[in-house]
Amino acid sequence: MIKIDELISSAMRSQDKVSLAALRLLKSRIMEFKTQKNAPQYTDEVEIGIMRKMVKGLRETGDLYAKNGRNDLAEHEFAQAVVIEGLLPAVPSEADVVKYLSEHYPSGIDKKQMGIVIKEVKSCLVGVDGAIVASVVRGLLKE
């Protein structure tokens, strides 16, 4: 898990306004998640999900601003997205998924196990794209 308060104070010391705004926004989203009623446990996966959702939202908002001629606001949104993206870990590739599955399921995967295997891979390879996992698992199904 990232140490958001340390990052915020570092951005304040360096007077990096874009990073500071992005990190404060991230901290508020994390606090919203933690304080919501019946919130699930806060884990690395949840944190990565929050950050990915933020990056997607910032990019979409930046695109809207750019389409409407507000390039100043669009640049700010894109810059914040870059800051948050820099905190994200590297996304496991399809080769990583194939390697994991070949090590743990050398004899193939039963069709009945497919959902369980996909869930296991997604929990072990944090941040992996579910569509990639599903397609690789389908390729390794036993006949």
N, C-alpha and C. Protein backbone atom coordinates (compact mmCIF):
# COMPACT_ATOMS: atom_id res chain seq x y z
N MET A 1 0.85 -1.18 0.00
CA MET A 1 0.00 0.00 0.00
C MET A 1 0.88 1.24 0.00
N ILE A 2 0.44 2.23 -0.72
CA ILE A 2 1.23 3.45 -0.82
C ILE A 2 1.11 4.28 0.45
N LYS A 3 2.12 5.03 0.73
CA LYS A 3 2.12 5.92 1.89
C LYS A 3 1.73 7.31 1.39
N ILE A 4 0.43 7.52 1.31
CA ILE A 4 -0.12 8.72 0.68
C ILE A 4 0.28 9.99 1.42
N ASP A 5 0.30 9.95 2.75
CA ASP A 5 0.64 11.16 3.51
C ASP A 5 2.08 11.60 3.25
N GLU A 6 2.99 10.63 3.14
CA GLU A 6 4.39 10.97 2.84
C GLU A 6 4.51 11.57 1.44
N LEU A 7 3.78 11.02 0.50
CA LEU A 7 3.81 11.55 -0.86
C LEU A 7 3.24 12.97 -0.93
N ILE A 8 2.18 13.21 -0.16
CA ILE A 8 1.59 14.55 -0.14
C ILE A 8 2.56 15.56 0.45
N SER A 9 3.21 15.19 1.57
CA SER A 9 4.15 16.15 2.17
C SER A 9 5.36 16.36 1.27
N SER A 10 5.78 15.34 0.55
CA SER A 10 6.88 15.50 -0.40
C SER A 10 6.48 16.45 -1.53
N ALA A 11 5.26 16.31 -2.04
CA ALA A 11 4.77 17.20 -3.10
C ALA A 11 4.64 18.63 -2.58
N MET A 12 4.25 18.78 -1.32
CA MET A 12 4.15 20.11 -0.74
C MET A 12 5.53 20.76 -0.63
N ARG A 13 6.52 19.97 -0.20
CA ARG A 13 7.88 20.50 -0.06
C ARG A 13 8.45 20.91 -1.42
N SER A 14 8.17 20.13 -2.45
CA SER A 14 8.70 20.44 -3.78
C SER A 14 7.82 21.44 -4.54
N GLN A 15 6.71 21.83 -3.95
CA GLN A 15 5.75 22.78 -4.52
C GLN A 15 5.25 22.32 -5.90
N ASP A 16 5.03 21.01 -6.02
CA ASP A 16 4.48 20.42 -7.24
C ASP A 16 2.96 20.43 -7.12
N LYS A 17 2.33 21.44 -7.69
CA LYS A 17 0.89 21.64 -7.51
C LYS A 17 0.06 20.54 -8.16
N VAL A 18 0.49 20.05 -9.32
CA VAL A 18 -0.28 19.01 -10.01
C VAL A 18 -0.25 17.72 -9.20
N SER A 19 0.94 17.32 -8.75
CA SER A 19 1.06 16.10 -7.95
C SER A 19 0.28 16.24 -6.65
N LEU A 20 0.38 17.39 -6.04
CA LEU A 20 -0.33 17.62 -4.78
C LEU A 20 -1.83 17.48 -4.97
N ALA A 21 -2.37 18.07 -6.04
CA ALA A 21 -3.81 17.98 -6.30
C ALA A 21 -4.22 16.53 -6.57
N ALA A 22 -3.41 15.81 -7.35
CA ALA A 22 -3.73 14.42 -7.67
C ALA A 22 -3.67 13.55 -6.41
N LEU A 23 -2.66 13.75 -5.59
CA LEU A 23 -2.52 12.93 -4.38
C LEU A 23 -3.61 13.24 -3.37
N ARG A 24 -4.00 14.49 -3.26
CA ARG A 24 -5.10 14.83 -2.36
C ARG A 24 -6.42 14.21 -2.85
N LEU A 25 -6.62 14.22 -4.15
CA LEU A 25 -7.80 13.58 -4.71
C LEU A 25 -7.79 12.08 -4.42
N LEU A 26 -6.63 11.46 -4.60
CA LEU A 26 -6.50 10.03 -4.30
C LEU A 26 -6.78 9.75 -2.82
N LYS A 27 -6.25 10.59 -1.96
CA LYS A 27 -6.47 10.39 -0.51
C LYS A 27 -7.95 10.50 -0.19
N SER A 28 -8.64 11.45 -0.81
CA SER A 28 -10.07 11.60 -0.53
C SER A 28 -10.86 10.38 -1.03
N ARG A 29 -10.48 9.83 -2.19
CA ARG A 29 -11.16 8.63 -2.69
C ARG A 29 -10.92 7.44 -1.77
N ILE A 30 -9.70 7.33 -1.26
CA ILE A 30 -9.39 6.23 -0.34
C ILE A 30 -10.20 6.38 0.94
N MET A 31 -10.28 7.60 1.46
CA MET A 31 -11.05 7.83 2.69
C MET A 31 -12.53 7.58 2.46
N GLU A 32 -13.05 7.95 1.29
CA GLU A 32 -14.45 7.66 0.96
C GLU A 32 -14.70 6.17 0.99
N PHE A 33 -13.76 5.40 0.43
CA PHE A 33 -13.92 3.94 0.41
C PHE A 33 -13.90 3.38 1.83
N LYS A 34 -12.95 3.82 2.62
CA LYS A 34 -12.78 3.27 3.97
C LYS A 34 -13.95 3.61 4.88
N THR A 35 -14.59 4.76 4.65
CA THR A 35 -15.66 5.18 5.56
C THR A 35 -17.06 4.83 5.07
N GLN A 36 -17.18 4.21 3.90
CA GLN A 36 -18.51 3.85 3.43
C GLN A 36 -19.08 2.73 4.28
N LYS A 37 -20.38 2.69 4.35
CA LYS A 37 -21.07 1.70 5.15
C LYS A 37 -20.86 0.31 4.56
N ASN A 38 -20.55 -0.67 5.38
CA ASN A 38 -20.32 -2.06 4.98
C ASN A 38 -19.20 -2.18 3.95
N ALA A 39 -18.17 -1.38 4.10
CA ALA A 39 -17.05 -1.41 3.16
C ALA A 39 -16.26 -2.70 3.33
N PRO A 40 -15.85 -3.33 2.23
CA PRO A 40 -14.99 -4.50 2.34
C PRO A 40 -13.62 -4.09 2.87
N GLN A 41 -12.83 -5.08 3.23
CA GLN A 41 -11.52 -4.81 3.78
C GLN A 41 -10.64 -4.09 2.75
N TYR A 42 -9.88 -3.12 3.21
CA TYR A 42 -9.01 -2.33 2.33
C TYR A 42 -7.73 -3.11 2.10
N THR A 43 -7.50 -3.52 0.86
CA THR A 43 -6.32 -4.31 0.51
C THR A 43 -5.57 -3.63 -0.64
N ASP A 44 -4.45 -4.22 -1.02
CA ASP A 44 -3.69 -3.71 -2.16
C ASP A 44 -4.53 -3.74 -3.43
N GLU A 45 -5.30 -4.80 -3.61
CA GLU A 45 -6.15 -4.92 -4.80
C GLU A 45 -7.17 -3.79 -4.86
N VAL A 46 -7.76 -3.49 -3.71
CA VAL A 46 -8.75 -2.41 -3.65
C VAL A 46 -8.08 -1.08 -3.98
N GLU A 47 -6.89 -0.86 -3.43
CA GLU A 47 -6.16 0.38 -3.68
C GLU A 47 -5.83 0.53 -5.16
N ILE A 48 -5.37 -0.54 -5.77
CA ILE A 48 -5.05 -0.50 -7.20
C ILE A 48 -6.32 -0.24 -8.01
N GLY A 49 -7.42 -0.86 -7.61
CA GLY A 49 -8.69 -0.63 -8.30
C GLY A 49 -9.13 0.82 -8.21
N ILE A 50 -8.97 1.42 -7.05
CA ILE A 50 -9.34 2.83 -6.87
C ILE A 50 -8.48 3.71 -7.78
N MET A 51 -7.18 3.42 -7.81
CA MET A 51 -6.28 4.24 -8.63
C MET A 51 -6.58 4.07 -10.12
N ARG A 52 -6.85 2.84 -10.56
CA ARG A 52 -7.16 2.62 -11.97
C ARG A 52 -8.45 3.34 -12.37
N LYS A 53 -9.44 3.28 -11.49
CA LYS A 53 -10.70 3.95 -11.75
C LYS A 53 -10.50 5.46 -11.83
N MET A 54 -9.63 5.98 -10.96
CA MET A 54 -9.34 7.42 -10.99
C MET A 54 -8.66 7.82 -12.29
N VAL A 55 -7.68 7.02 -12.72
CA VAL A 55 -6.95 7.33 -13.97
C VAL A 55 -7.93 7.34 -15.14
N LYS A 56 -8.80 6.34 -15.19
CA LYS A 56 -9.78 6.27 -16.27
C LYS A 56 -10.70 7.50 -16.24
N GLY A 57 -11.17 7.86 -15.06
CA GLY A 57 -12.06 9.01 -14.93
C GLY A 57 -11.37 10.31 -15.30
N LEU A 58 -10.12 10.48 -14.86
CA LEU A 58 -9.38 11.69 -15.20
C LEU A 58 -9.15 11.81 -16.70
N ARG A 59 -8.84 10.69 -17.33
CA ARG A 59 -8.63 10.72 -18.79
C ARG A 59 -9.93 11.04 -19.53
N GLU A 60 -11.03 10.45 -19.09
CA GLU A 60 -12.33 10.72 -19.73
C GLU A 60 -12.71 12.19 -19.57
N THR A 61 -12.50 12.72 -18.38
CA THR A 61 -12.81 14.13 -18.14
C THR A 61 -11.91 15.02 -18.98
N GLY A 62 -10.64 14.66 -19.06
CA GLY A 62 -9.71 15.42 -19.90
C GLY A 62 -10.13 15.41 -21.36
N ASP A 63 -10.60 14.28 -21.84
CA ASP A 63 -11.08 14.18 -23.22
C ASP A 63 -12.29 15.10 -23.44
N LEU A 64 -13.20 15.12 -22.47
CA LEU A 64 -14.38 15.99 -22.59
C LEU A 64 -13.97 17.46 -22.63
N TYR A 65 -13.04 17.83 -21.75
CA TYR A 65 -12.57 19.22 -21.75
C TYR A 65 -11.92 19.56 -23.09
N ALA A 66 -11.12 18.64 -23.61
CA ALA A 66 -10.43 18.90 -24.89
C ALA A 66 -11.43 19.05 -26.03
N LYS A 67 -12.47 18.22 -26.04
CA LYS A 67 -13.49 18.31 -27.10
C LYS A 67 -14.24 19.64 -27.05
N ASN A 68 -14.36 20.19 -25.84
CA ASN A 68 -15.10 21.43 -25.68
C ASN A 68 -14.20 22.66 -25.68
N GLY A 69 -12.95 22.47 -26.10
CA GLY A 69 -12.06 23.61 -26.26
C GLY A 69 -11.43 24.13 -24.98
N ARG A 70 -11.49 23.38 -23.90
CA ARG A 70 -10.89 23.81 -22.63
C ARG A 70 -9.58 23.06 -22.42
N ASN A 71 -8.60 23.37 -23.24
CA ASN A 71 -7.32 22.67 -23.21
C ASN A 71 -6.57 22.88 -21.90
N ASP A 72 -6.76 24.03 -21.24
CA ASP A 72 -6.10 24.27 -19.97
C ASP A 72 -6.57 23.25 -18.92
N LEU A 73 -7.87 23.02 -18.86
CA LEU A 73 -8.42 22.05 -17.91
C LEU A 73 -8.08 20.62 -18.32
N ALA A 74 -8.06 20.36 -19.61
CA ALA A 74 -7.74 19.02 -20.10
C ALA A 74 -6.31 18.66 -19.74
N GLU A 75 -5.38 19.59 -19.92
CA GLU A 75 -3.98 19.32 -19.57
C GLU A 75 -3.82 19.03 -18.08
N HIS A 76 -4.57 19.75 -17.26
CA HIS A 76 -4.52 19.52 -15.81
C HIS A 76 -5.01 18.11 -15.47
N GLU A 77 -6.11 17.68 -16.07
CA GLU A 77 -6.66 16.34 -15.82
C GLU A 77 -5.68 15.26 -16.28
N PHE A 78 -5.11 15.44 -17.48
CA PHE A 78 -4.16 14.45 -18.00
C PHE A 78 -2.91 14.38 -17.13
N ALA A 79 -2.46 15.52 -16.63
CA ALA A 79 -1.28 15.54 -15.77
C ALA A 79 -1.55 14.80 -14.46
N GLN A 80 -2.74 14.99 -13.90
CA GLN A 80 -3.10 14.26 -12.68
C GLN A 80 -3.16 12.76 -12.95
N ALA A 81 -3.68 12.38 -14.11
CA ALA A 81 -3.76 10.96 -14.46
C ALA A 81 -2.36 10.36 -14.54
N VAL A 82 -1.41 11.10 -15.07
CA VAL A 82 -0.03 10.62 -15.18
C VAL A 82 0.57 10.42 -13.79
N VAL A 83 0.29 11.33 -12.86
CA VAL A 83 0.80 11.22 -11.49
C VAL A 83 0.27 9.95 -10.83
N ILE A 84 -1.03 9.71 -10.94
CA ILE A 84 -1.64 8.53 -10.32
C ILE A 84 -1.14 7.26 -11.01
N GLU A 85 -0.99 7.31 -12.33
CA GLU A 85 -0.49 6.15 -13.08
C GLU A 85 0.92 5.78 -12.64
N GLY A 86 1.70 6.77 -12.26
CA GLY A 86 3.06 6.52 -11.80
C GLY A 86 3.11 5.74 -10.50
N LEU A 87 2.04 5.76 -9.75
CA LEU A 87 1.98 5.02 -8.49
C LEU A 87 1.55 3.57 -8.67
N LEU A 88 0.96 3.28 -9.82
CA LEU A 88 0.46 1.93 -10.08
C LEU A 88 1.60 0.96 -10.37
N PRO A 89 1.48 -0.28 -9.90
CA PRO A 89 2.50 -1.29 -10.24
C PRO A 89 2.35 -1.71 -11.70
N ALA A 90 3.39 -2.33 -12.21
CA ALA A 90 3.36 -2.82 -13.59
C ALA A 90 2.27 -3.88 -13.72
N VAL A 91 1.53 -3.82 -14.82
CA VAL A 91 0.44 -4.76 -15.06
C VAL A 91 1.02 -6.07 -15.59
N PRO A 92 0.64 -7.21 -14.97
CA PRO A 92 1.12 -8.49 -15.48
C PRO A 92 0.65 -8.72 -16.93
N SER A 93 1.52 -9.26 -17.74
CA SER A 93 1.21 -9.49 -19.15
C SER A 93 0.58 -10.86 -19.36
N GLU A 94 0.21 -11.12 -20.59
CA GLU A 94 -0.36 -12.42 -20.94
C GLU A 94 0.67 -13.53 -20.71
N ALA A 95 1.94 -13.23 -20.96
CA ALA A 95 3.00 -14.22 -20.74
C ALA A 95 3.11 -14.58 -19.26
N ASP A 96 2.90 -13.60 -18.38
CA ASP A 96 2.93 -13.87 -16.94
C ASP A 96 1.79 -14.81 -16.53
N VAL A 97 0.62 -14.59 -17.14
CA VAL A 97 -0.54 -15.44 -16.84
C VAL A 97 -0.29 -16.86 -17.33
N VAL A 98 0.24 -17.00 -18.54
CA VAL A 98 0.54 -18.32 -19.10
C VAL A 98 1.56 -19.04 -18.22
N LYS A 99 2.58 -18.32 -17.79
CA LYS A 99 3.62 -18.90 -16.93
C LYS A 99 3.02 -19.38 -15.61
N TYR A 100 2.20 -18.55 -14.99
CA TYR A 100 1.56 -18.91 -13.72
C TYR A 100 0.70 -20.16 -13.89
N LEU A 101 -0.12 -20.18 -14.92
CA LEU A 101 -1.02 -21.31 -15.13
C LEU A 101 -0.27 -22.59 -15.48
N SER A 102 0.81 -22.48 -16.26
CA SER A 102 1.57 -23.68 -16.61
C SER A 102 2.29 -24.26 -15.40
N GLU A 103 2.67 -23.39 -14.46
CA GLU A 103 3.32 -23.88 -13.24
C GLU A 103 2.33 -24.52 -12.28
N HIS A 104 1.15 -23.93 -12.16
CA HIS A 104 0.18 -24.40 -11.17
C HIS A 104 -0.82 -25.42 -11.72
N TYR A 105 -1.02 -25.45 -13.02
CA TYR A 105 -1.96 -26.38 -13.64
C TYR A 105 -1.32 -27.03 -14.87
N PRO A 106 -0.27 -27.84 -14.67
CA PRO A 106 0.44 -28.42 -15.82
C PRO A 106 -0.41 -29.41 -16.62
N SER A 107 -1.40 -30.03 -16.00
CA SER A 107 -2.20 -31.02 -16.70
C SER A 107 -3.45 -30.41 -17.36
N GLY A 108 -3.61 -29.10 -17.27
CA GLY A 108 -4.77 -28.45 -17.87
C GLY A 108 -5.81 -28.10 -16.81
N ILE A 109 -6.88 -27.47 -17.26
CA ILE A 109 -7.91 -26.99 -16.36
C ILE A 109 -9.24 -27.60 -16.77
N ASP A 110 -9.96 -28.10 -15.79
CA ASP A 110 -11.29 -28.64 -16.01
C ASP A 110 -12.27 -27.48 -16.22
N LYS A 111 -13.26 -27.68 -17.08
CA LYS A 111 -14.21 -26.61 -17.37
C LYS A 111 -14.96 -26.17 -16.12
N LYS A 112 -15.20 -27.11 -15.20
CA LYS A 112 -15.91 -26.78 -13.97
C LYS A 112 -15.06 -25.89 -13.04
N GLN A 113 -13.74 -25.95 -13.20
CA GLN A 113 -12.83 -25.17 -12.37
C GLN A 113 -12.57 -23.77 -12.90
N MET A 114 -13.04 -23.48 -14.08
CA MET A 114 -12.66 -22.25 -14.77
C MET A 114 -12.84 -20.99 -13.92
N GLY A 115 -13.98 -20.80 -13.32
CA GLY A 115 -14.24 -19.61 -12.50
C GLY A 115 -13.32 -19.52 -11.31
N ILE A 116 -13.07 -20.65 -10.67
CA ILE A 116 -12.19 -20.69 -9.51
C ILE A 116 -10.76 -20.33 -9.91
N VAL A 117 -10.32 -20.87 -11.03
CA VAL A 117 -8.96 -20.62 -11.51
C VAL A 117 -8.79 -19.14 -11.87
N ILE A 118 -9.77 -18.57 -12.55
CA ILE A 118 -9.68 -17.16 -12.93
C ILE A 118 -9.59 -16.29 -11.68
N LYS A 119 -10.41 -16.59 -10.70
CA LYS A 119 -10.39 -15.83 -9.44
C LYS A 119 -9.03 -15.96 -8.75
N GLU A 120 -8.47 -17.16 -8.74
CA GLU A 120 -7.18 -17.39 -8.12
C GLU A 120 -6.07 -16.60 -8.82
N VAL A 121 -6.07 -16.63 -10.14
CA VAL A 121 -5.04 -15.92 -10.91
C VAL A 121 -5.16 -14.42 -10.66
N LYS A 122 -6.38 -13.90 -10.65
CA LYS A 122 -6.57 -12.46 -10.43
C LYS A 122 -6.13 -12.04 -9.04
N SER A 123 -6.25 -12.94 -8.05
CA SER A 123 -5.82 -12.58 -6.70
C SER A 123 -4.30 -12.71 -6.55
N CYS A 124 -3.68 -13.62 -7.27
CA CYS A 124 -2.23 -13.80 -7.18
C CYS A 124 -1.47 -12.79 -8.03
N LEU A 125 -1.96 -12.50 -9.21
CA LEU A 125 -1.32 -11.53 -10.10
C LEU A 125 -2.12 -10.23 -10.03
N VAL A 126 -1.85 -9.43 -9.02
CA VAL A 126 -2.63 -8.23 -8.74
C VAL A 126 -2.56 -7.26 -9.92
N GLY A 127 -3.72 -6.82 -10.36
CA GLY A 127 -3.80 -5.83 -11.42
C GLY A 127 -3.92 -6.41 -12.82
N VAL A 128 -3.94 -7.74 -12.93
CA VAL A 128 -4.03 -8.35 -14.25
C VAL A 128 -5.42 -8.12 -14.84
N ASP A 129 -5.49 -8.01 -16.16
CA ASP A 129 -6.75 -7.81 -16.85
C ASP A 129 -7.53 -9.13 -16.86
N GLY A 130 -8.77 -9.08 -16.39
CA GLY A 130 -9.59 -10.27 -16.31
C GLY A 130 -9.88 -10.90 -17.66
N ALA A 131 -9.99 -10.10 -18.70
CA ALA A 131 -10.25 -10.62 -20.04
C ALA A 131 -9.07 -11.45 -20.54
N ILE A 132 -7.86 -11.01 -20.23
CA ILE A 132 -6.66 -11.77 -20.62
C ILE A 132 -6.63 -13.10 -19.89
N VAL A 133 -6.92 -13.07 -18.59
CA VAL A 133 -6.93 -14.30 -17.80
C VAL A 133 -7.96 -15.27 -18.35
N ALA A 134 -9.15 -14.78 -18.62
CA ALA A 134 -10.22 -15.65 -19.13
C ALA A 134 -9.84 -16.29 -20.47
N SER A 135 -9.26 -15.51 -21.36
CA SER A 135 -8.90 -16.08 -22.66
C SER A 135 -7.80 -17.12 -22.54
N VAL A 136 -6.82 -16.90 -21.67
CA VAL A 136 -5.73 -17.87 -21.48
C VAL A 136 -6.28 -19.14 -20.84
N VAL A 137 -7.16 -18.97 -19.85
CA VAL A 137 -7.75 -20.15 -19.18
C VAL A 137 -8.58 -20.96 -20.17
N ARG A 138 -9.36 -20.28 -21.02
CA ARG A 138 -10.14 -21.00 -22.04
C ARG A 138 -9.24 -21.81 -22.96
N GLY A 139 -8.09 -21.27 -23.27
CA GLY A 139 -7.14 -21.96 -24.13
C GLY A 139 -6.54 -23.19 -23.50
N LEU A 140 -6.53 -23.22 -22.17
CA LEU A 140 -5.93 -24.36 -21.46
C LEU A 140 -6.96 -25.37 -20.96
N LEU A 141 -8.24 -25.20 -21.32
CA LEU A 141 -9.27 -26.13 -20.87
C LEU A 141 -9.04 -27.53 -21.44
N LYS A 142 -9.32 -28.52 -20.61
CA LYS A 142 -9.25 -29.92 -21.06
C LYS A 142 -10.46 -30.21 -21.94
N GLU A 143 -10.27 -31.06 -22.88
CA GLU A 143 -11.39 -31.46 -23.76
C GLU A 143 -12.26 -32.47 -23.09
